[in-house]
Amino acid sequence: MITGDGLEGAIRDAVAAGCDEAEIRTMLDDARAQGKSGLELYDMVRDMAQLAPMMKALQQAQHKMTDAAQGGVTQAAITYTTEKSFSVDQVVALFRAVGWHSADYPTRLHKALMGSSYVVTAWDGDRLVGLVRALDDGELNAYLKYLLVDPAYQGRGIAGALMRDVLDHYRDYLYVDVMPEESKNAPLYEHFGFERMPDGVPLEIWNQDASLMR
């Protein structure tokens, strides 16, 4: 059980990490109204504290890009495309850079991306440095699966640029869903307008036999 003192301590830690206290308390009030437990409230605040440095870096990068654009300065050449021109090796290198196990299935991973409904990639020359991909039904529903940026390129606004592109692409769809595999990443998506589903529960089937197929 999380006491009020424990929650207040978590709030202080989050504020020290750079979070806005008023926003935290508003979020907690909404969560309490939804019947969230004390432990769930505590975890939400701790997640915000852990993501605060990443969010701050993202905002700083966005400000720099805006300032440069207003001053007529050309940014370092990170280019974006929806063409699926990536090779197996380029995809595997990016996924290995962020430590994702999908890289253990090179051919299947590449085939999955090539078969996706929409993919936006970020490039530094011929180096694949970021990617977001989505699956959709062509009319009502879209599902985001994978948003990743090479750690060497994080903090430069690449994730934001990728997310803005994919959300603009699906602006006429009724629903755009995402299921972060780690709860600590939820605030990152909330920054772009995603909301937690009050009654939603993520479900998954892991086909262990399929994991043996490379």
Protein backbone atom coordinates (compact mmCIF):
# COMPACT_ATOMS: atom_id res chain seq x y z
CA MET A 1 0.00 0.00 0.00
CA ILE A 2 1.29 3.45 -0.93
CA THR A 3 0.73 6.09 1.72
CA GLY A 4 0.03 9.74 1.08
CA ASP A 5 3.56 10.54 2.21
CA GLY A 6 4.94 8.07 -0.33
CA LEU A 7 2.97 9.66 -3.14
CA GLU A 8 3.98 13.16 -2.10
CA GLY A 9 7.59 12.02 -2.08
CA ALA A 10 7.20 10.70 -5.62
CA ILE A 11 5.68 14.04 -6.66
CA ARG A 12 8.65 15.91 -5.17
CA ASP A 13 11.05 13.63 -7.06
CA ALA A 14 9.14 14.19 -10.32
CA VAL A 15 9.20 17.97 -9.85
CA ALA A 16 12.94 17.81 -9.11
CA ALA A 17 13.37 15.86 -12.37
CA GLY A 18 11.67 18.67 -14.28
CA CYS A 19 7.95 17.79 -14.26
CA ASP A 20 5.30 20.45 -13.71
CA GLU A 21 3.65 19.97 -10.31
CA ALA A 22 0.30 21.43 -11.42
CA GLU A 23 0.16 19.02 -14.36
CA ILE A 24 0.99 16.10 -12.07
CA ARG A 25 -1.75 16.96 -9.60
CA THR A 26 -4.30 17.47 -12.40
CA MET A 27 -3.38 14.06 -13.81
CA LEU A 28 -3.74 12.48 -10.35
CA ASP A 29 -7.14 14.08 -9.82
CA ASP A 30 -8.33 12.63 -13.13
CA ALA A 31 -6.89 9.22 -12.23
CA ARG A 32 -8.58 9.24 -8.82
CA ALA A 33 -11.88 10.05 -10.52
CA GLN A 34 -11.35 6.93 -12.63
CA GLY A 35 -10.88 4.82 -9.49
CA LYS A 36 -7.13 4.30 -9.75
CA SER A 37 -5.48 2.78 -6.68
CA GLY A 38 -2.77 4.43 -4.62
CA LEU A 39 -0.16 2.10 -6.14
CA GLU A 40 -1.27 2.99 -9.66
CA LEU A 41 -1.06 6.70 -8.84
CA TYR A 42 2.44 6.21 -7.41
CA ASP A 43 3.58 4.30 -10.52
CA MET A 44 2.21 7.01 -12.80
CA VAL A 45 4.20 9.69 -11.01
CA ARG A 46 7.36 7.58 -10.95
CA ASP A 47 7.01 6.96 -14.71
CA MET A 48 6.75 10.71 -15.30
CA ALA A 49 9.90 11.31 -13.25
CA GLN A 50 11.85 8.68 -15.21
CA LEU A 51 10.78 10.12 -18.57
CA ALA A 52 11.27 13.78 -17.61
CA PRO A 53 14.89 14.01 -18.88
CA MET A 54 13.88 12.47 -22.23
CA MET A 55 10.92 14.83 -22.59
CA LYS A 56 13.10 17.82 -21.70
CA ALA A 57 15.65 16.83 -24.35
CA LEU A 58 12.85 16.43 -26.90
CA GLN A 59 11.43 19.86 -26.11
CA GLN A 60 14.88 21.47 -26.28
CA ALA A 61 15.48 19.88 -29.68
CA GLN A 62 12.10 21.13 -30.92
CA HIS A 63 12.91 24.65 -29.72
CA LYS A 64 16.27 24.56 -31.49
CA MET A 65 14.61 23.43 -34.72
CA THR A 66 12.04 26.24 -34.44
CA ASP A 67 14.70 28.85 -33.71
CA ALA A 68 16.79 27.66 -36.63
CA ALA A 69 13.82 27.71 -38.99
CA GLN A 70 12.90 31.25 -37.94
CA GLY A 71 16.48 32.36 -38.42
CA GLY A 72 16.78 30.76 -41.82
CA VAL A 73 19.45 28.31 -40.66
CA THR A 74 19.58 24.90 -42.35
CA GLN A 75 19.58 22.00 -39.90
CA ALA A 76 22.05 19.12 -40.12
CA ALA A 77 20.78 16.79 -42.81
CA ILE A 78 18.40 14.37 -41.15
CA THR A 79 16.02 13.39 -43.94
CA TYR A 80 12.65 11.65 -43.71
CA THR A 81 10.90 9.42 -46.17
CA THR A 82 7.94 7.06 -46.46
CA GLU A 83 9.68 5.01 -49.13
CA LYS A 84 10.56 1.54 -47.89
CA SER A 85 14.11 1.72 -49.18
CA PHE A 86 15.83 0.20 -46.15
CA SER A 87 17.86 -3.00 -46.33
CA VAL A 88 17.84 -5.91 -43.90
CA ASP A 89 21.22 -4.84 -42.52
CA GLN A 90 20.13 -1.23 -41.98
CA VAL A 91 17.00 -2.29 -40.12
CA VAL A 92 18.85 -4.79 -37.95
CA ALA A 93 21.53 -2.22 -37.07
CA LEU A 94 18.88 0.24 -35.84
CA PHE A 95 16.97 -2.35 -33.80
CA ARG A 96 20.19 -3.66 -32.26
CA ALA A 97 21.21 -0.10 -31.35
CA VAL A 98 18.14 0.22 -29.12
CA GLY A 99 18.43 -3.36 -27.82
CA TRP A 100 15.20 -4.71 -29.29
CA HIS A 101 14.94 -8.48 -29.73
CA SER A 102 13.18 -8.14 -33.09
CA ALA A 103 16.70 -7.77 -34.49
CA ASP A 104 17.18 -11.49 -33.80
CA TYR A 105 14.79 -12.17 -36.70
CA PRO A 106 16.43 -10.17 -39.53
CA THR A 107 14.53 -11.51 -42.54
CA ARG A 108 11.16 -11.64 -40.78
CA LEU A 109 11.63 -8.14 -39.33
CA HIS A 110 12.44 -6.69 -42.74
CA LYS A 111 9.49 -8.51 -44.31
CA ALA A 112 7.17 -7.22 -41.54
CA LEU A 113 8.24 -3.62 -42.14
CA MET A 114 7.90 -3.97 -45.92
CA GLY A 115 4.36 -5.30 -45.39
CA SER A 116 3.33 -2.54 -42.97
CA SER A 117 0.65 -0.05 -43.94
CA TYR A 118 2.78 3.04 -43.30
CA VAL A 119 6.43 3.48 -42.39
CA VAL A 120 8.37 6.71 -41.87
CA THR A 121 12.14 6.50 -41.60
CA ALA A 122 14.80 9.03 -40.59
CA TRP A 123 18.22 9.04 -42.22
CA ASP A 124 21.63 10.58 -41.72
CA GLY A 125 23.07 10.00 -45.16
CA ASP A 126 22.76 6.26 -45.73
CA ARG A 127 22.46 5.49 -42.00
CA LEU A 128 18.97 4.58 -40.76
CA VAL A 129 18.62 6.46 -37.46
CA GLY A 130 14.89 6.37 -36.70
CA LEU A 131 11.64 4.66 -37.62
CA VAL A 132 7.93 4.57 -36.87
CA ARG A 133 5.51 2.12 -38.44
CA ALA A 134 1.76 1.57 -38.41
CA LEU A 135 -0.83 -0.98 -39.40
CA ASP A 136 -4.31 0.12 -40.48
CA ASP A 137 -7.61 -1.16 -41.90
CA GLY A 138 -7.74 1.49 -44.59
CA GLU A 139 -10.52 3.58 -43.07
CA LEU A 140 -11.22 3.62 -39.31
CA ASN A 141 -8.44 2.14 -37.20
CA ALA A 142 -4.67 2.47 -37.14
CA TYR A 143 -2.23 0.86 -34.72
CA LEU A 144 1.30 2.10 -34.10
CA LYS A 145 3.93 -0.54 -33.52
CA TYR A 146 7.57 0.58 -33.20
CA LEU A 147 8.86 4.07 -32.59
CA LEU A 148 12.59 4.02 -32.18
CA VAL A 149 15.57 6.33 -32.60
CA ASP A 150 19.22 5.36 -32.54
CA PRO A 151 20.58 6.38 -29.09
CA ALA A 152 23.38 8.33 -30.79
CA TYR A 153 20.71 10.56 -32.38
CA GLN A 154 18.26 10.94 -29.51
CA GLY A 155 17.54 14.45 -28.26
CA ARG A 156 17.48 15.94 -31.76
CA GLY A 157 13.72 15.98 -32.27
CA ILE A 158 13.66 12.93 -34.53
CA ALA A 159 11.04 11.03 -32.52
CA GLY A 160 8.81 14.10 -32.56
CA ALA A 161 9.16 14.53 -36.31
CA LEU A 162 8.33 10.87 -36.92
CA MET A 163 5.30 10.96 -34.63
CA ARG A 164 3.93 14.18 -36.13
CA ASP A 165 4.20 12.68 -39.62
CA VAL A 166 2.37 9.46 -38.77
CA LEU A 167 -0.36 11.26 -36.81
CA ASP A 168 -0.91 13.67 -39.68
CA HIS A 169 -1.17 10.73 -42.06
CA TYR A 170 -3.94 9.21 -39.93
CA ARG A 171 -5.71 12.47 -39.04
CA ASP A 172 -8.98 11.31 -40.72
CA TYR A 173 -9.09 7.92 -38.96
CA LEU A 174 -11.42 7.53 -35.98
CA TYR A 175 -8.87 5.75 -33.79
CA VAL A 176 -5.10 5.64 -33.61
CA ASP A 177 -3.94 3.16 -30.95
CA VAL A 178 -0.60 2.33 -29.42
CA MET A 179 0.34 -0.21 -26.77
CA PRO A 180 3.70 0.66 -25.20
CA GLU A 181 5.44 -2.52 -24.14
CA GLU A 182 6.72 -0.73 -21.03
CA SER A 183 4.44 1.46 -18.91
CA LYS A 184 7.28 3.92 -18.34
CA ASN A 185 7.00 4.96 -22.01
CA ALA A 186 3.32 5.94 -21.76
CA PRO A 187 4.01 9.62 -20.91
CA LEU A 188 6.02 9.94 -24.13
CA TYR A 189 2.93 9.04 -26.15
CA GLU A 190 0.71 11.20 -23.95
CA HIS A 191 2.91 14.12 -24.96
CA PHE A 192 1.60 13.63 -28.49
CA GLY A 193 -2.06 13.50 -27.48
CA PHE A 194 -2.62 9.83 -26.67
CA GLU A 195 -4.83 9.16 -23.66
CA ARG A 196 -4.92 6.21 -21.28
CA MET A 197 -8.01 4.05 -21.74
CA PRO A 198 -9.81 4.01 -18.35
CA ASP A 199 -11.00 0.42 -18.78
CA GLY A 200 -8.45 -0.80 -21.30
CA VAL A 201 -6.37 -3.91 -20.62
CA PRO A 202 -3.58 -4.93 -23.04
CA LEU A 203 -3.74 -8.58 -24.14
CA GLU A 204 -1.23 -10.59 -26.11
CA ILE A 205 -0.56 -14.09 -27.39
CA TRP A 206 3.09 -15.09 -27.63
CA ASN A 207 3.54 -17.97 -30.05
CA GLN A 208 6.67 -19.56 -28.63
CA ASP A 209 7.00 -22.03 -31.50
CA ALA A 210 7.05 -19.11 -33.95
CA SER A 211 9.95 -17.57 -32.04
CA LEU A 212 12.12 -20.45 -33.26
CA MET A 213 11.62 -19.40 -36.87
CA ARG A 214 14.39 -17.06 -37.98
